[in-house]
Amino acid sequence: MAPQPLQHTPLRLHRGIRVLDLLPSFGRRDASIRCKTREIVLGDPDEQYEAISYVWGAPAGDCTIVCNGQDLLVTPNCRKMLRRLRRFHRTRTLWVDAICIDQTYTGTAERNEQIPLMGQIYHKASASRMVIFDLVRERELTFDPDQIYEARAWDDLDPGTRHKDLYLLGCLRGFQCTIPHDKVYSIYSILRASGILLSPPDYTRPIADVLEDLATSYLRDRKRLDILMTVLPCNEGSKLPVLEIHVMIEVASHYALFLLDNGYLGLAYRTCQEGDQVFLLAGSDWPFVLRQDGNAFRLVAPAYVYGVMEGQLWPEDEGELEQITLV
């Protein structure tokens, strides 16, 4: 009989999470992987577990382990990780997202509820372990949760930390994951802790809506336009989210020099066209190329304009600023 998806018992406790009891091998390295899941209350001092991070690897499982008495398909990396962490004679309690969170289609509601707890799951663990696989050797790194600083609301006045959240958001496009929503939800707790108050996770929403919510939340909570600096060029009218672009852009080949009517020289993506306008926008240190669309404007690209990057053209009287609409 072919292995079936793991049928989880619904979580019933307030702040309940599942943990995985990895049963010992009793001295047999080649013994089948056997484990059981059970529900605990997150933060219960009587419950100890280790939170595990590893690369899922293959999008679908084709390796069999035994969980709760039934065959379960997991990815090769998952089975390798469990075999690596299994003890000879003692049960080891772990938290492994691929098994402890219902990954089935019917488990969407549970995933929506568990994602906001991820930060606390790692923080409350007795240890957080990262298992790294490569062709040469397997390595296991251990982090003490007491030595992991909680993300703080980065101070806009601190030049050393000002763009950390932007850097993190920029890294998202390089993340590899089967479900595109995880590119945002994987750092949900970090963003919330830094003061970016996203809507609750919802895997049923289109990914474009999730990305729009991320951008809107950043603009609202940071009150700055810096997130627009992460915009990458795309075809006019393209609805493809930036985080869905899988081909790495050869940055230099996508830039072009331009000359403004007032003689200023600038650099921006080649998506700019003759007739586009360059604006200095309140809330950003960079100029932006905008394209008129009726009575509003569309964002084309951030730009570098020689001679204006240090506020030389910013009016002393902010009453001279004009209000425009971006669409």
Protein backbone atom coordinates (compact mmCIF):
# COMPACT_ATOMS: atom_id res chain seq x y z
CA MET A 1 0.00 0.00 0.00
CA ALA A 2 1.41 3.37 -1.00
CA PRO A 3 2.27 5.82 1.81
CA GLN A 4 -0.50 8.33 2.49
CA PRO A 5 -0.26 11.97 3.61
CA LEU A 6 0.09 12.21 7.37
CA GLN A 7 -3.35 12.60 8.95
CA HIS A 8 -2.76 15.06 11.78
CA THR A 9 -5.15 15.34 14.70
CA PRO A 10 -6.25 19.01 14.75
CA LEU A 11 -4.48 21.18 17.30
CA ARG A 12 -6.79 21.82 20.26
CA LEU A 13 -4.75 23.75 22.84
CA HIS A 14 -4.30 27.51 23.08
CA ARG A 15 -0.85 28.21 21.58
CA GLY A 16 -0.60 24.53 20.83
CA ILE A 17 2.14 23.17 18.58
CA ARG A 18 3.18 19.67 17.58
CA VAL A 19 6.54 18.23 18.42
CA LEU A 20 8.17 15.13 17.00
CA ASP A 21 9.46 12.36 19.26
CA LEU A 22 12.22 10.75 17.20
CA LEU A 23 12.53 7.17 18.45
CA PRO A 24 16.01 5.68 19.01
CA SER A 25 17.73 3.34 16.58
CA PHE A 26 18.84 0.94 19.37
CA GLY A 27 22.30 0.81 17.87
CA ARG A 28 21.24 0.06 14.29
CA ARG A 29 22.24 2.89 11.97
CA ASP A 30 20.24 1.38 9.11
CA ALA A 31 17.04 0.98 11.17
CA SER A 32 13.90 2.57 9.74
CA ILE A 33 13.16 6.08 10.92
CA ARG A 34 10.30 5.92 13.43
CA CYS A 35 8.69 8.84 15.20
CA LYS A 36 5.51 10.09 16.85
CA THR A 37 3.91 13.50 16.97
CA ARG A 38 2.12 15.00 19.95
CA GLU A 39 0.70 18.37 20.93
CA ILE A 40 2.22 20.61 23.60
CA VAL A 41 1.62 24.17 24.74
CA LEU A 42 4.25 26.55 23.39
CA GLY A 43 6.30 27.83 26.31
CA ASP A 44 5.41 25.01 28.74
CA PRO A 45 8.54 24.78 30.94
CA ASP A 46 8.01 21.04 31.37
CA GLU A 47 8.31 20.42 27.63
CA GLN A 48 11.75 20.55 26.00
CA TYR A 49 12.36 20.31 22.28
CA GLU A 50 14.96 21.28 19.69
CA ALA A 51 13.91 23.42 16.73
CA ILE A 52 15.45 22.22 13.47
CA SER A 53 16.27 24.19 10.34
CA TYR A 54 17.32 22.49 7.12
CA VAL A 55 16.84 22.84 3.39
CA TRP A 56 13.77 20.90 2.28
CA GLY A 57 15.37 20.20 -1.08
CA ALA A 58 12.96 18.30 -3.33
CA PRO A 59 9.45 19.81 -3.49
CA ALA A 60 7.81 16.42 -2.90
CA GLY A 61 8.73 13.51 -0.69
CA ASP A 62 9.82 10.16 -2.08
CA CYS A 63 11.49 8.64 0.99
CA THR A 64 9.54 6.65 3.57
CA ILE A 65 9.63 6.98 7.34
CA VAL A 66 7.14 5.68 9.90
CA CYS A 67 5.22 8.36 11.79
CA ASN A 68 2.40 7.60 14.22
CA GLY A 69 2.44 4.02 13.00
CA GLN A 70 1.88 4.82 9.33
CA ASP A 71 4.21 5.21 6.37
CA LEU A 72 4.95 8.83 5.53
CA LEU A 73 6.74 10.23 2.49
CA VAL A 74 9.36 12.86 3.26
CA THR A 75 12.07 14.48 1.17
CA PRO A 76 15.54 12.90 1.04
CA ASN A 77 16.95 15.83 3.03
CA CYS A 78 14.34 15.36 5.74
CA ARG A 79 15.09 11.67 6.13
CA LYS A 80 18.83 12.34 6.07
CA MET A 81 18.41 15.01 8.74
CA LEU A 82 16.35 12.71 10.99
CA ARG A 83 18.86 9.90 10.60
CA ARG A 84 21.65 12.35 11.44
CA LEU A 85 19.93 13.53 14.64
CA ARG A 86 18.57 10.19 15.84
CA ARG A 87 20.08 8.84 19.05
CA PHE A 88 20.99 5.24 19.70
CA HIS A 89 19.08 4.62 22.94
CA ARG A 90 17.06 7.72 23.82
CA THR A 91 14.10 9.46 22.26
CA ARG A 92 14.90 12.94 20.94
CA THR A 93 12.15 15.57 20.80
CA LEU A 94 12.30 17.90 17.81
CA TRP A 95 10.24 20.53 16.07
CA VAL A 96 10.44 20.04 12.30
CA ASP A 97 8.10 22.25 10.30
CA ALA A 98 7.65 19.80 7.42
CA ILE A 99 6.15 17.24 9.81
CA CYS A 100 4.89 19.23 12.80
CA ILE A 101 2.76 21.62 10.71
CA ASP A 102 0.01 20.14 8.55
CA GLN A 103 1.35 20.55 5.00
CA THR A 104 -1.69 19.08 3.25
CA TYR A 105 -4.17 21.11 1.21
CA THR A 106 -6.71 20.85 4.02
CA GLY A 107 -4.13 22.15 6.51
CA THR A 108 -4.11 25.70 5.15
CA ALA A 109 -5.96 27.12 8.16
CA GLU A 110 -3.48 25.51 10.53
CA ARG A 111 -0.50 26.91 8.62
CA ASN A 112 -2.07 30.36 8.77
CA GLU A 113 -2.24 30.04 12.58
CA GLN A 114 1.21 28.50 13.09
CA ILE A 115 3.24 30.97 11.01
CA PRO A 116 2.86 33.87 13.51
CA LEU A 117 4.20 31.53 16.23
CA MET A 118 7.40 30.63 14.36
CA GLY A 119 9.55 33.22 16.09
CA GLN A 120 8.43 31.99 19.51
CA ILE A 121 8.82 28.35 18.50
CA TYR A 122 12.52 28.91 17.85
CA HIS A 123 12.94 31.23 20.82
CA LYS A 124 11.35 28.81 23.31
CA ALA A 125 13.30 25.79 22.04
CA SER A 126 15.99 24.31 24.28
CA ALA A 127 18.28 24.58 21.25
CA SER A 128 17.96 25.60 17.62
CA ARG A 129 19.90 23.43 15.21
CA MET A 130 20.76 24.07 11.60
CA VAL A 131 21.63 20.95 9.63
CA ILE A 132 23.63 21.77 6.49
CA PHE A 133 24.17 19.16 3.81
CA ASP A 134 26.87 19.32 1.17
CA LEU A 135 28.78 16.91 -1.01
CA VAL A 136 31.72 16.74 1.37
CA ARG A 137 30.19 16.36 4.80
CA GLU A 138 27.13 17.03 6.90
CA ARG A 139 27.39 19.75 9.48
CA GLU A 140 25.18 20.51 12.43
CA LEU A 141 25.24 24.00 13.92
CA THR A 142 23.68 24.67 17.31
CA PHE A 143 22.35 28.03 18.45
CA ASP A 144 21.47 28.86 22.04
CA PRO A 145 18.10 30.68 22.00
CA ASP A 146 19.24 32.73 25.02
CA GLN A 147 22.03 34.16 22.88
CA ILE A 148 19.82 35.01 19.92
CA TYR A 149 18.74 38.61 20.10
CA GLU A 150 15.15 39.31 19.29
CA ALA A 151 14.67 41.52 16.25
CA ARG A 152 14.16 45.11 17.27
CA ALA A 153 12.44 48.01 15.57
CA TRP A 154 15.44 49.35 13.71
CA ASP A 155 15.96 53.05 14.43
CA ASP A 156 15.67 55.17 11.30
CA LEU A 157 18.22 57.54 12.78
CA ASP A 158 20.86 54.85 13.08
CA PRO A 159 22.78 54.69 9.77
CA GLY A 160 24.25 51.33 10.70
CA THR A 161 20.86 49.61 10.93
CA ARG A 162 18.62 51.73 8.77
CA HIS A 163 18.42 49.46 5.74
CA LYS A 164 18.57 46.03 7.42
CA ASP A 165 14.91 45.32 6.79
CA LEU A 166 15.27 46.47 3.17
CA TYR A 167 18.27 44.20 2.75
CA LEU A 168 16.26 41.29 4.13
CA LEU A 169 13.36 42.04 1.79
CA GLY A 170 15.75 42.28 -1.14
CA CYS A 171 17.12 38.84 -0.29
CA LEU A 172 13.63 37.32 -0.57
CA ARG A 173 13.76 37.16 -4.35
CA GLY A 174 16.67 34.73 -4.10
CA PHE A 175 14.86 32.36 -1.74
CA GLN A 176 13.90 28.98 -3.14
CA CYS A 177 10.63 27.51 -1.95
CA THR A 178 7.81 25.40 -3.31
CA ILE A 179 5.06 27.76 -2.11
CA PRO A 180 5.81 31.39 -3.09
CA HIS A 181 3.96 32.71 -0.03
CA ASP A 182 6.76 31.30 2.14
CA LYS A 183 9.14 33.91 0.76
CA VAL A 184 7.22 36.40 2.89
CA TYR A 185 5.80 34.23 5.66
CA SER A 186 9.20 32.66 6.45
CA ILE A 187 10.26 36.02 7.93
CA TYR A 188 6.82 37.02 9.21
CA SER A 189 7.92 37.07 12.87
CA ILE A 190 11.05 39.09 12.06
CA LEU A 191 9.06 41.69 10.15
CA ARG A 192 6.47 41.98 12.92
CA ALA A 193 9.20 42.36 15.54
CA SER A 194 10.81 45.11 13.47
CA GLY A 195 7.55 47.05 13.43
CA ILE A 196 6.18 46.07 10.01
CA LEU A 197 2.68 44.88 10.90
CA LEU A 198 1.65 42.51 8.14
CA SER A 199 -1.81 41.06 7.82
CA PRO A 200 -2.18 37.57 9.35
CA PRO A 201 -0.80 34.82 7.07
CA ASP A 202 -3.29 33.49 4.56
CA TYR A 203 -2.11 30.89 2.06
CA THR A 204 -5.38 31.16 0.13
CA ARG A 205 -4.61 34.73 -0.98
CA PRO A 206 -2.99 35.24 -4.40
CA ILE A 207 0.74 35.84 -4.03
CA ALA A 208 0.36 39.23 -5.74
CA ASP A 209 -1.97 40.32 -2.91
CA VAL A 210 0.51 39.10 -0.28
CA LEU A 211 3.31 41.12 -1.88
CA GLU A 212 1.09 44.17 -2.17
CA ASP A 213 0.22 43.84 1.52
CA LEU A 214 3.93 43.65 2.36
CA ALA A 215 4.69 46.83 0.42
CA THR A 216 1.67 48.66 1.83
CA SER A 217 2.54 47.64 5.40
CA TYR A 218 6.12 48.83 4.96
CA LEU A 219 5.01 52.20 3.58
CA ARG A 220 2.46 52.63 6.37
CA ASP A 221 4.64 51.55 9.29
CA ARG A 222 8.00 52.94 8.15
CA LYS A 223 6.50 56.10 6.63
CA ARG A 224 9.27 55.99 4.06
CA LEU A 225 9.41 55.05 0.38
CA ASP A 226 12.66 53.10 0.58
CA ILE A 227 10.92 49.84 -0.31
CA LEU A 228 10.44 51.19 -3.83
CA MET A 229 14.21 50.80 -4.21
CA THR A 230 13.68 47.03 -4.41
CA VAL A 231 11.69 47.37 -7.64
CA LEU A 232 13.13 45.42 -10.56
CA PRO A 233 12.37 46.12 -14.21
CA CYS A 234 9.55 44.21 -15.86
CA ASN A 235 7.55 44.43 -19.04
CA GLU A 236 4.95 47.18 -19.18
CA GLY A 237 1.73 45.84 -17.72
CA SER A 238 3.34 42.68 -16.38
CA LYS A 239 1.57 41.27 -13.32
CA LEU A 240 4.46 38.94 -12.48
CA PRO A 241 5.55 39.57 -8.86
CA VAL A 242 9.19 40.48 -8.42
CA LEU A 243 9.65 37.57 -6.02
CA GLU A 244 8.54 35.17 -8.78
CA ILE A 245 11.38 36.12 -11.16
CA HIS A 246 13.67 33.09 -11.17
CA VAL A 247 16.34 34.29 -13.59
CA MET A 248 18.96 36.43 -11.85
CA ILE A 249 19.26 39.78 -13.54
CA GLU A 250 22.59 40.81 -14.96
CA VAL A 251 22.37 44.19 -13.30
CA ALA A 252 24.79 46.13 -15.46
CA SER A 253 23.09 45.16 -18.71
CA HIS A 254 19.77 46.54 -17.48
CA TYR A 255 21.02 50.05 -16.73
CA ALA A 256 21.24 53.01 -19.09
CA LEU A 257 22.40 56.62 -18.84
CA PHE A 258 19.88 59.39 -19.43
CA LEU A 259 20.04 63.16 -19.77
CA LEU A 260 17.34 65.38 -18.27
CA ASP A 261 16.04 68.54 -19.92
CA ASN A 262 17.78 70.63 -17.26
CA GLY A 263 21.14 69.05 -18.06
CA TYR A 264 21.42 66.59 -15.16
CA LEU A 265 22.92 63.19 -15.97
CA GLY A 266 21.38 60.08 -14.44
CA LEU A 267 21.40 56.30 -14.38
CA ALA A 268 18.37 54.00 -14.21
CA TYR A 269 16.94 50.77 -15.59
CA ARG A 270 16.48 50.56 -19.35
CA THR A 271 12.72 50.40 -18.83
CA CYS A 272 12.78 54.21 -18.75
CA GLN A 273 11.43 55.92 -21.86
CA GLU A 274 11.68 59.35 -23.40
CA GLY A 275 9.02 61.52 -21.77
CA ASP A 276 9.32 59.89 -18.33
CA GLN A 277 9.88 62.30 -15.44
CA VAL A 278 12.26 62.23 -12.49
CA PHE A 279 10.81 63.11 -9.08
CA LEU A 280 12.25 63.73 -5.64
CA LEU A 281 9.75 62.12 -3.27
CA ALA A 282 9.37 62.89 0.42
CA GLY A 283 10.26 59.79 2.41
CA SER A 284 13.09 58.59 0.18
CA ASP A 285 16.73 59.53 -0.28
CA TRP A 286 16.66 58.53 -3.95
CA PRO A 287 15.01 60.08 -7.01
CA PHE A 288 12.46 58.00 -8.91
CA VAL A 289 11.52 57.81 -12.56
CA LEU A 290 7.75 58.09 -12.93
CA ARG A 291 5.50 57.77 -15.98
CA GLN A 292 2.31 59.79 -16.25
CA ASP A 293 -0.90 57.77 -16.39
CA GLY A 294 -3.86 60.13 -16.68
CA ASN A 295 -3.86 62.33 -13.60
CA ALA A 296 -1.58 59.92 -11.71
CA PHE A 297 1.88 58.41 -12.13
CA ARG A 298 3.29 54.90 -12.34
CA LEU A 299 6.60 53.95 -10.77
CA VAL A 300 9.17 53.00 -13.41
CA ALA A 301 12.44 52.73 -11.48
CA PRO A 302 14.66 54.27 -8.84
CA ALA A 303 17.40 56.44 -10.32
CA TYR A 304 20.79 57.94 -9.58
CA VAL A 305 21.08 61.57 -10.70
CA TYR A 306 24.47 63.19 -10.40
CA GLY A 307 24.34 66.41 -8.42
CA VAL A 308 21.05 65.88 -6.58
CA MET A 309 21.75 62.89 -4.34
CA GLU A 310 22.59 64.98 -1.28
CA GLY A 311 19.45 67.07 -1.30
CA GLN A 312 20.77 69.93 -3.44
CA LEU A 313 17.41 70.43 -5.17
CA TRP A 314 15.19 69.83 -2.16
CA PRO A 315 13.23 73.03 -1.39
CA GLU A 316 13.98 74.80 1.88
CA ASP A 317 10.28 75.52 2.24
CA GLU A 318 8.43 72.20 2.14
CA GLY A 319 5.29 74.16 1.39
CA GLU A 320 6.58 74.19 -2.18
CA LEU A 321 6.12 70.42 -2.43
CA GLU A 322 3.34 69.10 -4.63
CA GLN A 323 1.11 66.11 -3.97
CA ILE A 324 0.95 63.40 -6.63
CA THR A 325 -0.82 60.04 -6.86
CA LEU A 326 1.07 56.81 -7.52
CA VAL A 327 -0.84 53.91 -9.06
